[in-house]
Amino acid sequence: MNAYPVRPVGPRLRLGRLFATPGALDALRTANASVGDLLTRHLRGDWGDLSDEDRKQNNLALEMGLRVLSCYVLSPNVKVWIITEWDRSMTTVLLPGDY
């Protein structure tokens, strides 16, 4: 029996229109991180650096049509959030301080 849940390979939600704050784009550039890679992780249900409770909330949000949040650590002091709105009309890449 596998002790770890298997993540789905395909997308788990629609992103809608994509937006990013200037601060998030600068942080990604500085960290040499790919926004495309992070969006792919978000799409596949890899919520990044979240508590178990927040992961459960995201999984419930997929079923209930609620907002979904992922958090990815770019460096020890820099995190990027990706938020897909409840109606899946838009997804925003931002720094927590941009919220």
PDB file of N, CA and C in Angstrom:
ATOM      1  N   MET A   1       0.846  -1.186   0.000  1.00  0.00           N
ATOM      2  CA  MET A   1       0.000   0.000   0.000  1.00  0.00           C
ATOM      3  C   MET A   1       0.885   1.240   0.000  1.00  0.00           C
ATOM      4  N   ASN A   2       0.571   2.195  -0.846  1.00  0.00           N
ATOM      5  CA  ASN A   2       1.345   3.434  -0.964  1.00  0.00           C
ATOM      6  C   ASN A   2       1.009   4.371   0.190  1.00  0.00           C
ATOM      7  N   ALA A   3       2.032   4.833   0.889  1.00  0.00           N
ATOM      8  CA  ALA A   3       1.822   5.716   2.044  1.00  0.00           C
ATOM      9  C   ALA A   3       1.550   7.151   1.622  1.00  0.00           C
ATOM     10  N   TYR A   4       1.863   7.490   0.375  1.00  0.00           N
ATOM     11  CA  TYR A   4       1.690   8.859  -0.090  1.00  0.00           C
ATOM     12  C   TYR A   4       0.568   8.927  -1.112  1.00  0.00           C
ATOM     13  N   PRO A   5      -0.272   9.945  -1.033  1.00  0.00           N
ATOM     14  CA  PRO A   5      -1.340  10.064  -2.029  1.00  0.00           C
ATOM     15  C   PRO A   5      -0.750  10.331  -3.406  1.00  0.00           C
ATOM     16  N   VAL A   6      -1.334   9.759  -4.410  1.00  0.00           N
ATOM     17  CA  VAL A   6      -0.887   9.965  -5.778  1.00  0.00           C
ATOM     18  C   VAL A   6      -1.521  11.242  -6.311  1.00  0.00           C
ATOM     19  N   ARG A   7      -0.699  12.118  -6.823  1.00  0.00           N
ATOM     20  CA  ARG A   7      -1.216  13.367  -7.385  1.00  0.00           C
ATOM     21  C   ARG A   7      -1.703  13.122  -8.802  1.00  0.00           C
ATOM     22  N   PRO A   8      -2.805  13.732  -9.161  1.00  0.00           N
ATOM     23  CA  PRO A   8      -3.273  13.603 -10.538  1.00  0.00           C
ATOM     24  C   PRO A   8      -2.257  14.217 -11.500  1.00  0.00           C
ATOM     25  N   VAL A   9      -2.153  13.654 -12.680  1.00  0.00           N
ATOM     26  CA  VAL A   9      -1.202  14.145 -13.666  1.00  0.00           C
ATOM     27  C   VAL A   9      -1.756  15.357 -14.396  1.00  0.00           C
ATOM     28  N   GLY A  10      -3.024  15.362 -14.700  1.00  0.00           N
ATOM     29  CA  GLY A  10      -3.620  16.442 -15.480  1.00  0.00           C
ATOM     30  C   GLY A  10      -4.070  17.603 -14.622  1.00  0.00           C
ATOM     31  N   PRO A  11      -4.556  18.654 -15.274  1.00  0.00           N
ATOM     32  CA  PRO A  11      -5.031  19.843 -14.551  1.00  0.00           C
ATOM     33  C   PRO A  11      -6.213  19.520 -13.643  1.00  0.00           C
ATOM     34  N   ARG A  12      -6.242  20.175 -12.492  1.00  0.00           N
ATOM     35  CA  ARG A  12      -7.336  19.991 -11.546  1.00  0.00           C
ATOM     36  C   ARG A  12      -8.286  21.176 -11.546  1.00  0.00           C
ATOM     37  N   LEU A  13      -7.910  22.280 -12.225  1.00  0.00           N
ATOM     38  CA  LEU A  13      -8.770  23.450 -12.290  1.00  0.00           C
ATOM     39  C   LEU A  13      -8.423  24.267 -13.521  1.00  0.00           C
ATOM     40  N   ARG A  14      -9.287  25.199 -13.856  1.00  0.00           N
ATOM     41  CA  ARG A  14      -9.027  26.147 -14.941  1.00  0.00           C
ATOM     42  C   ARG A  14      -8.437  27.407 -14.332  1.00  0.00           C
ATOM     43  N   LEU A  15      -7.523  28.040 -15.054  1.00  0.00           N
ATOM     44  CA  LEU A  15      -6.876  29.249 -14.547  1.00  0.00           C
ATOM     45  C   LEU A  15      -7.623  30.529 -14.912  1.00  0.00           C
ATOM     46  N   GLY A  16      -8.351  30.529 -16.009  1.00  0.00           N
ATOM     47  CA  GLY A  16      -8.970  31.770 -16.476  1.00  0.00           C
ATOM     48  C   GLY A  16      -7.895  32.719 -16.983  1.00  0.00           C
ATOM     49  N   ARG A  17      -8.153  34.012 -16.884  1.00  0.00           N
ATOM     50  CA  ARG A  17      -7.172  35.020 -17.306  1.00  0.00           C
ATOM     51  C   ARG A  17      -6.020  35.054 -16.312  1.00  0.00           C
ATOM     52  N   LEU A  18      -4.821  35.243 -16.803  1.00  0.00           N
ATOM     53  CA  LEU A  18      -3.636  35.254 -15.960  1.00  0.00           C
ATOM     54  C   LEU A  18      -3.161  36.680 -15.700  1.00  0.00           C
ATOM     55  N   PHE A  19      -2.829  36.939 -14.434  1.00  0.00           N
ATOM     56  CA  PHE A  19      -2.285  38.233 -14.015  1.00  0.00           C
ATOM     57  C   PHE A  19      -1.100  37.980 -13.102  1.00  0.00           C
ATOM     58  N   ALA A  20      -0.189  38.940 -13.055  1.00  0.00           N
ATOM     59  CA  ALA A  20       0.940  38.862 -12.124  1.00  0.00           C
ATOM     60  C   ALA A  20       1.293  40.279 -11.697  1.00  0.00           C
ATOM     61  N   THR A  21       1.625  40.436 -10.430  1.00  0.00           N
ATOM     62  CA  THR A  21       2.035  41.750  -9.935  1.00  0.00           C
ATOM     63  C   THR A  21       3.501  41.981 -10.313  1.00  0.00           C
ATOM     64  N   PRO A  22       3.898  43.237 -10.456  1.00  0.00           N
ATOM     65  CA  PRO A  22       5.300  43.533 -10.773  1.00  0.00           C
ATOM     66  C   PRO A  22       6.261  42.945  -9.732  1.00  0.00           C
ATOM     67  N   GLY A  23       5.885  43.001  -8.460  1.00  0.00           N
ATOM     68  CA  GLY A  23       6.740  42.455  -7.408  1.00  0.00           C
ATOM     69  C   GLY A  23       6.956  40.961  -7.560  1.00  0.00           C
ATOM     70  N   ALA A  24       5.914  40.244  -7.910  1.00  0.00           N
ATOM     71  CA  ALA A  24       6.033  38.796  -8.101  1.00  0.00           C
ATOM     72  C   ALA A  24       6.923  38.489  -9.303  1.00  0.00           C
ATOM     73  N   LEU A  25       6.744  39.230 -10.381  1.00  0.00           N
ATOM     74  CA  LEU A  25       7.579  39.009 -11.565  1.00  0.00           C
ATOM     75  C   LEU A  25       9.043  39.300 -11.265  1.00  0.00           C
ATOM     76  N   ASP A  26       9.313  40.354 -10.504  1.00  0.00           N
ATOM     77  CA  ASP A  26      10.697  40.670 -10.112  1.00  0.00           C
ATOM     78  C   ASP A  26      11.274  39.557  -9.246  1.00  0.00           C
ATOM     79  N   ALA A  27      10.487  39.064  -8.290  1.00  0.00           N
ATOM     80  CA  ALA A  27      10.961  37.995  -7.404  1.00  0.00           C
ATOM     81  C   ALA A  27      11.255  36.725  -8.192  1.00  0.00           C
ATOM     82  N   LEU A  28      10.409  36.391  -9.134  1.00  0.00           N
ATOM     83  CA  LEU A  28      10.635  35.212  -9.971  1.00  0.00           C
ATOM     84  C   LEU A  28      11.900  35.371 -10.808  1.00  0.00           C
ATOM     85  N   ARG A  29      12.078  36.558 -11.375  1.00  0.00           N
ATOM     86  CA  ARG A  29      13.274  36.829 -12.171  1.00  0.00           C
ATOM     87  C   ARG A  29      14.537  36.705 -11.316  1.00  0.00           C
ATOM     88  N   THR A  30      14.513  37.320 -10.137  1.00  0.00           N
ATOM     89  CA  THR A  30      15.659  37.285  -9.228  1.00  0.00           C
ATOM     90  C   THR A  30      15.999  35.856  -8.814  1.00  0.00           C
ATOM     91  N   ALA A  31      14.983  35.046  -8.575  1.00  0.00           N
ATOM     92  CA  ALA A  31      15.184  33.661  -8.148  1.00  0.00           C
ATOM     93  C   ALA A  31      15.436  32.713  -9.325  1.00  0.00           C
ATOM     94  N   ASN A  32      15.400  33.263 -10.538  1.00  0.00           N
ATOM     95  CA  ASN A  32      15.541  32.451 -11.744  1.00  0.00           C
ATOM     96  C   ASN A  32      14.512  31.316 -11.757  1.00  0.00           C
ATOM     97  N   ALA A  33      13.299  31.643 -11.337  1.00  0.00           N
ATOM     98  CA  ALA A  33      12.199  30.682 -11.277  1.00  0.00           C
ATOM     99  C   ALA A  33      11.244  30.917 -12.445  1.00  0.00           C
ATOM    100  N   SER A  34      10.618  29.865 -12.891  1.00  0.00           N
ATOM    101  CA  SER A  34       9.705  29.930 -14.021  1.00  0.00           C
ATOM    102  C   SER A  34       8.255  30.054 -13.540  1.00  0.00           C
ATOM    103  N   VAL A  35       7.586  31.111 -13.966  1.00  0.00           N
ATOM    104  CA  VAL A  35       6.171  31.254 -13.621  1.00  0.00           C
ATOM    105  C   VAL A  35       5.371  30.119 -14.249  1.00  0.00           C
ATOM    106  N   GLY A  36       5.785  29.668 -15.418  1.00  0.00           N
ATOM    107  CA  GLY A  36       5.101  28.549 -16.072  1.00  0.00           C
ATOM    108  C   GLY A  36       5.176  27.273 -15.255  1.00  0.00           C
ATOM    109  N   ASP A  37       6.354  27.005 -14.672  1.00  0.00           N
ATOM    110  CA  ASP A  37       6.502  25.811 -13.829  1.00  0.00           C
ATOM    111  C   ASP A  37       5.602  25.893 -12.596  1.00  0.00           C
ATOM    112  N   LEU A  38       5.552  27.082 -11.982  1.00  0.00           N
ATOM    113  CA  LEU A  38       4.707  27.232 -10.786  1.00  0.00           C
ATOM    114  C   LEU A  38       3.227  27.120 -11.139  1.00  0.00           C
ATOM    115  N   LEU A  39       2.828  27.688 -12.268  1.00  0.00           N
ATOM    116  CA  LEU A  39       1.428  27.572 -12.697  1.00  0.00           C
ATOM    117  C   LEU A  39       1.065  26.112 -12.985  1.00  0.00           C
ATOM    118  N   THR A  40       1.998  25.366 -13.555  1.00  0.00           N
ATOM    119  CA  THR A  40       1.757  23.945 -13.821  1.00  0.00           C
ATOM    120  C   THR A  40       1.572  23.189 -12.509  1.00  0.00           C
ATOM    121  N   ARG A  41       2.417  23.475 -11.522  1.00  0.00           N
ATOM    122  CA  ARG A  41       2.262  22.837 -10.210  1.00  0.00           C
ATOM    123  C   ARG A  41       0.893  23.162  -9.620  1.00  0.00           C
ATOM    124  N   HIS A  42       0.508  24.435  -9.689  1.00  0.00           N
ATOM    125  CA  HIS A  42      -0.787  24.884  -9.166  1.00  0.00           C
ATOM    126  C   HIS A  42      -1.927  24.145  -9.876  1.00  0.00           C
ATOM    127  N   LEU A  43      -1.859  24.072 -11.190  1.00  0.00           N
ATOM    128  CA  LEU A  43      -2.882  23.389 -11.983  1.00  0.00           C
ATOM    129  C   LEU A  43      -3.041  21.927 -11.596  1.00  0.00           C
ATOM    130  N   ARG A  44      -1.955  21.299 -11.243  1.00  0.00           N
ATOM    131  CA  ARG A  44      -1.962  19.861 -10.949  1.00  0.00           C
ATOM    132  C   ARG A  44      -2.262  19.550  -9.492  1.00  0.00           C
ATOM    133  N   GLY A  45      -2.486  20.595  -8.688  1.00  0.00           N
ATOM    134  CA  GLY A  45      -2.831  20.355  -7.291  1.00  0.00           C
ATOM    135  C   GLY A  45      -1.645  20.235  -6.367  1.00  0.00           C
ATOM    136  N   ASP A  46      -0.466  20.659  -6.833  1.00  0.00           N
ATOM    137  CA  ASP A  46       0.713  20.737  -5.961  1.00  0.00           C
ATOM    138  C   ASP A  46       0.684  22.140  -5.367  1.00  0.00           C
ATOM    139  N   TRP A  47       0.141  22.245  -4.179  1.00  0.00           N
ATOM    140  CA  TRP A  47      -0.120  23.550  -3.571  1.00  0.00           C
ATOM    141  C   TRP A  47       1.107  24.195  -2.955  1.00  0.00           C
ATOM    142  N   GLY A  48       2.259  23.543  -3.034  1.00  0.00           N
ATOM    143  CA  GLY A  48       3.491  24.136  -2.529  1.00  0.00           C
ATOM    144  C   GLY A  48       3.603  24.062  -1.020  1.00  0.00           C
ATOM    145  N   ASP A  49       4.033  25.168  -0.432  1.00  0.00           N
ATOM    146  CA  ASP A  49       4.349  25.227   0.999  1.00  0.00           C
ATOM    147  C   ASP A  49       3.121  25.668   1.803  1.00  0.00           C
ATOM    148  N   LEU A  50       2.167  24.746   1.955  1.00  0.00           N
ATOM    149  CA  LEU A  50       0.959  25.011   2.739  1.00  0.00           C
ATOM    150  C   LEU A  50       0.843  23.982   3.853  1.00  0.00           C
ATOM    151  N   SER A  51       0.136  24.348   4.893  1.00  0.00           N
ATOM    152  CA  SER A  51      -0.138  23.401   5.971  1.00  0.00           C
ATOM    153  C   SER A  51      -1.085  22.313   5.464  1.00  0.00           C
ATOM    154  N   ASP A  52      -1.140  21.225   6.197  1.00  0.00           N
ATOM    155  CA  ASP A  52      -2.064  20.147   5.823  1.00  0.00           C
ATOM    156  C   ASP A  52      -3.499  20.647   5.789  1.00  0.00           C
ATOM    157  N   GLU A  53      -3.855  21.510   6.736  1.00  0.00           N
ATOM    158  CA  GLU A  53      -5.220  22.056   6.776  1.00  0.00           C
ATOM    159  C   GLU A  53      -5.511  22.902   5.535  1.00  0.00           C
ATOM    160  N   ASP A  54      -4.556  23.729   5.120  1.00  0.00           N
ATOM    161  CA  ASP A  54      -4.750  24.547   3.915  1.00  0.00           C
ATOM    162  C   ASP A  54      -4.829  23.683   2.662  1.00  0.00           C
ATOM    163  N   ARG A  55      -4.071  22.605   2.624  1.00  0.00           N
ATOM    164  CA  ARG A  55      -4.150  21.672   1.491  1.00  0.00           C
ATOM    165  C   ARG A  55      -5.550  21.044   1.422  1.00  0.00           C
ATOM    166  N   LYS A  56      -6.075  20.652   2.577  1.00  0.00           N
ATOM    167  CA  LYS A  56      -7.433  20.093   2.629  1.00  0.00           C
ATOM    168  C   LYS A  56      -8.448  21.126   2.158  1.00  0.00           C
ATOM    169  N   GLN A  57      -8.264  22.375   2.573  1.00  0.00           N
ATOM    170  CA  GLN A  57      -9.174  23.451   2.150  1.00  0.00           C
ATOM    171  C   GLN A  57      -9.138  23.621   0.636  1.00  0.00           C
ATOM    172  N   ASN A  58      -7.945  23.567   0.045  1.00  0.00           N
ATOM    173  CA  ASN A  58      -7.837  23.681  -1.411  1.00  0.00           C
ATOM    174  C   ASN A  58      -8.548  22.532  -2.105  1.00  0.00           C
ATOM    175  N   ASN A  59      -8.352  21.322  -1.602  1.00  0.00           N
ATOM    176  CA  ASN A  59      -9.011  20.170  -2.224  1.00  0.00           C
ATOM    177  C   ASN A  59     -10.524  20.285  -2.116  1.00  0.00           C
ATOM    178  N   LEU A  60     -11.007  20.767  -0.990  1.00  0.00           N
ATOM    179  CA  LEU A  60     -12.438  21.015  -0.827  1.00  0.00           C
ATOM    180  C   LEU A  60     -12.903  22.130  -1.765  1.00  0.00           C
ATOM    181  N   ALA A  61     -12.072  23.159  -1.916  1.00  0.00           N
ATOM    182  CA  ALA A  61     -12.405  24.288  -2.794  1.00  0.00           C
ATOM    183  C   ALA A  61     -12.588  23.837  -4.237  1.00  0.00           C
ATOM    184  N   LEU A  62     -11.827  22.838  -4.654  1.00  0.00           N
ATOM    185  CA  LEU A  62     -11.988  22.309  -6.009  1.00  0.00           C
ATOM    186  C   LEU A  62     -13.378  21.720  -6.201  1.00  0.00           C
ATOM    187  N   GLU A  63     -13.860  21.027  -5.186  1.00  0.00           N
ATOM    188  CA  GLU A  63     -15.182  20.389  -5.256  1.00  0.00           C
ATOM    189  C   GLU A  63     -16.313  21.395  -5.103  1.00  0.00           C
ATOM    190  N   MET A  64     -16.102  22.410  -4.266  1.00  0.00           N
ATOM    191  CA  MET A  64     -17.166  23.350  -3.915  1.00  0.00           C
ATOM    192  C   MET A  64     -17.166  24.626  -4.769  1.00  0.00           C
ATOM    193  N   GLY A  65     -16.175  24.793  -5.618  1.00  0.00           N
ATOM    194  CA  GLY A  65     -16.096  25.995  -6.429  1.00  0.00           C
ATOM    195  C   GLY A  65     -15.680  27.218  -5.627  1.00  0.00           C
ATOM    196  N   LEU A  66     -14.654  27.064  -4.783  1.00  0.00           N
ATOM    197  CA  LEU A  66     -14.147  28.167  -3.976  1.00  0.00           C
ATOM    198  C   LEU A  66     -12.755  28.569  -4.464  1.00  0.00           C
ATOM    199  N   ARG A  67     -12.249  29.666  -3.917  1.00  0.00           N
ATOM    200  CA  ARG A  67     -10.934  30.173  -4.281  1.00  0.00           C
ATOM    201  C   ARG A  67      -9.850  29.179  -3.860  1.00  0.00           C
ATOM    202  N   VAL A  68      -8.790  29.069  -4.688  1.00  0.00           N
ATOM    203  CA  VAL A  68      -7.685  28.156  -4.432  1.00  0.00           C
ATOM    204  C   VAL A  68      -6.394  28.967  -4.323  1.00  0.00           C
ATOM    205  N   LEU A  69      -5.580  28.644  -3.305  1.00  0.00           N
ATOM    206  CA  LEU A  69      -4.322  29.351  -3.052  1.00  0.00           C
ATOM    207  C   LEU A  69      -3.172  28.363  -2.996  1.00  0.00           C
ATOM    208  N   SER A  70      -2.099  28.676  -3.723  1.00  0.00           N
ATOM    209  CA  SER A  70      -0.842  27.937  -3.607  1.00  0.00           C
ATOM    210  C   SER A  70       0.223  28.901  -3.124  1.00  0.00           C
ATOM    211  N   CYS A  71       1.244  28.354  -2.460  1.00  0.00           N
ATOM    212  CA  CYS A  71       2.349  29.156  -1.950  1.00  0.00           C
ATOM    213  C   CYS A  71       3.655  28.453  -2.291  1.00  0.00           C
ATOM    214  N   TYR A  72       4.554  29.154  -2.970  1.00  0.00           N
ATOM    215  CA  TYR A  72       5.826  28.575  -3.364  1.00  0.00           C
ATOM    216  C   TYR A  72       6.961  29.431  -2.811  1.00  0.00           C
ATOM    217  N   VAL A  73       7.910  28.779  -2.159  1.00  0.00           N
ATOM    218  CA  VAL A  73       9.051  29.466  -1.566  1.00  0.00           C
ATOM    219  C   VAL A  73      10.149  29.572  -2.620  1.00  0.00           C
ATOM    220  N   LEU A  74      10.530  30.818  -2.931  1.00  0.00           N
ATOM    221  CA  LEU A  74      11.579  31.056  -3.922  1.00  0.00           C
ATOM    222  C   LEU A  74      12.953  31.142  -3.285  1.00  0.00           C
ATOM    223  N   SER A  75      12.991  31.648  -2.064  1.00  0.00           N
ATOM    224  CA  SER A  75      14.225  31.758  -1.281  1.00  0.00           C
ATOM    225  C   SER A  75      13.795  31.829   0.180  1.00  0.00           C
ATOM    226  N   PRO A  76      14.712  31.769   1.120  1.00  0.00           N
ATOM    227  CA  PRO A  76      14.306  31.748   2.530  1.00  0.00           C
ATOM    228  C   PRO A  76      13.365  32.890   2.948  1.00  0.00           C
ATOM    229  N   ASN A  77      13.465  34.021   2.312  1.00  0.00           N
ATOM    230  CA  ASN A  77      12.627  35.159   2.707  1.00  0.00           C
ATOM    231  C   ASN A  77      11.607  35.574   1.656  1.00  0.00           C
ATOM    232  N   VAL A  78      11.464  34.790   0.590  1.00  0.00           N
ATOM    233  CA  VAL A  78      10.569  35.195  -0.497  1.00  0.00           C
ATOM    234  C   VAL A  78       9.615  34.065  -0.855  1.00  0.00           C
ATOM    235  N   LYS A  79       8.327  34.375  -0.754  1.00  0.00           N
ATOM    236  CA  LYS A  79       7.265  33.449  -1.155  1.00  0.00           C
ATOM    237  C   LYS A  79       6.439  34.102  -2.252  1.00  0.00           C
ATOM    238  N   VAL A  80       5.918  33.276  -3.125  1.00  0.00           N
ATOM    239  CA  VAL A  80       4.994  33.722  -4.164  1.00  0.00           C
ATOM    240  C   VAL A  80       3.696  32.962  -3.969  1.00  0.00           C
ATOM    241  N   TRP A  81       2.595  33.686  -4.036  1.00  0.00           N
ATOM    242  CA  TRP A  81       1.280  33.066  -3.980  1.00  0.00           C
ATOM    243  C   TRP A  81       0.701  32.993  -5.384  1.00  0.00           C
ATOM    244  N   ILE A  82      -0.080  31.975  -5.628  1.00  0.00           N
ATOM    245  CA  ILE A  82      -0.907  31.894  -6.827  1.00  0.00           C
ATOM    246  C   ILE A  82      -2.329  31.670  -6.348  1.00  0.00           C
ATOM    247  N   ILE A  83      -3.211  32.565  -6.747  1.00  0.00           N
ATOM    248  CA  ILE A  83      -4.615  32.494  -6.330  1.00  0.00           C
ATOM    249  C   ILE A  83      -5.500  32.383  -7.569  1.00  0.00           C
ATOM    250  N   THR A  84      -6.309  31.335  -7.601  1.00  0.00           N
ATOM    251  CA  THR A  84      -7.336  31.194  -8.637  1.00  0.00           C
ATOM    252  C   THR A  84      -8.673  31.489  -7.983  1.00  0.00           C
ATOM    253  N   GLU A  85      -9.407  32.417  -8.569  1.00  0.00           N
ATOM    254  CA  GLU A  85     -10.677  32.852  -8.002  1.00  0.00           C
ATOM    255  C   GLU A  85     -11.730  31.752  -8.064  1.00  0.00           C
ATOM    256  N   TRP A  86     -12.735  31.891  -7.212  1.00  0.00           N
ATOM    257  CA  TRP A  86     -13.787  30.881  -7.036  1.00  0.00           C
ATOM    258  C   TRP A  86     -14.471  30.504  -8.339  1.00  0.00           C
ATOM    259  N   ASP A  87     -14.649  31.491  -9.243  1.00  0.00           N
ATOM    260  CA  ASP A  87     -15.363  31.215 -10.491  1.00  0.00           C
ATOM    261  C   ASP A  87     -14.418  30.808 -11.620  1.00  0.00           C
ATOM    262  N   ARG A  88     -13.121  30.670 -11.291  1.00  0.00           N
ATOM    263  CA  ARG A  88     -12.080  30.262 -12.243  1.00  0.00           C
ATOM    264  C   ARG A  88     -11.929  31.249 -13.390  1.00  0.00           C
ATOM    265  N   SER A  89     -12.336  32.489 -13.174  1.00  0.00           N
ATOM    266  CA  SER A  89     -12.240  33.510 -14.209  1.00  0.00           C
ATOM    267  C   SER A  89     -10.845  34.101 -14.318  1.00  0.00           C
ATOM    268  N   MET A  90     -10.073  34.033 -13.222  1.00  0.00           N
ATOM    269  CA  MET A  90      -8.730  34.590 -13.254  1.00  0.00           C
ATOM    270  C   MET A  90      -7.840  33.960 -12.207  1.00  0.00           C
ATOM    271  N   THR A  91      -6.549  34.007 -12.506  1.00  0.00           N
ATOM    272  CA  THR A  91      -5.513  33.523 -11.602  1.00  0.00           C
ATOM    273  C   THR A  91      -4.457  34.611 -11.518  1.00  0.00           C
ATOM    274  N   THR A  92      -4.028  34.893 -10.286  1.00  0.00           N
ATOM    275  CA  THR A  92      -3.053  35.951 -10.068  1.00  0.00           C
ATOM    276  C   THR A  92      -1.831  35.394  -9.351  1.00  0.00           C
ATOM    277  N   VAL A  93      -0.653  35.778  -9.844  1.00  0.00           N
ATOM    278  CA  VAL A  93       0.618  35.459  -9.209  1.00  0.00           C
ATOM    279  C   VAL A  93       1.041  36.724  -8.484  1.00  0.00           C
ATOM    280  N   LEU A  94       1.283  36.612  -7.179  1.00  0.00           N
ATOM    281  CA  LEU A  94       1.583  37.800  -6.384  1.00  0.00           C
ATOM    282  C   LEU A  94       2.442  37.450  -5.190  1.00  0.00           C
ATOM    283  N   LEU A  95       3.020  38.465  -4.578  1.00  0.00           N
ATOM    284  CA  LEU A  95       3.695  38.318  -3.305  1.00  0.00           C
ATOM    285  C   LEU A  95       2.668  38.467  -2.200  1.00  0.00           C
ATOM    286  N   PRO A  96       2.867  37.811  -1.061  1.00  0.00           N
ATOM    287  CA  PRO A  96       1.899  37.979   0.036  1.00  0.00           C
ATOM    288  C   PRO A  96       1.660  39.448   0.406  1.00  0.00           C
ATOM    289  N   GLY A  97       2.678  40.274   0.325  1.00  0.00           N
ATOM    290  CA  GLY A  97       2.528  41.687   0.631  1.00  0.00           C
ATOM    291  C   GLY A  97       1.725  42.463  -0.395  1.00  0.00           C
ATOM    292  N   ASP A  98       1.513  41.874  -1.575  1.00  0.00           N
ATOM    293  CA  ASP A  98       0.703  42.508  -2.634  1.00  0.00           C
ATOM    294  C   ASP A  98      -0.783  42.302  -2.414  1.00  0.00           C
ATOM    295  N   TYR A  99      -1.139  41.393  -1.511  1.00  0.00           N
ATOM    296  CA  TYR A  99      -2.540  41.003  -1.342  1.00  0.00           C
ATOM    297  C   TYR A  99      -3.347  42.103  -0.695  1.00  0.00           C
TER     298      TYR A  99
END
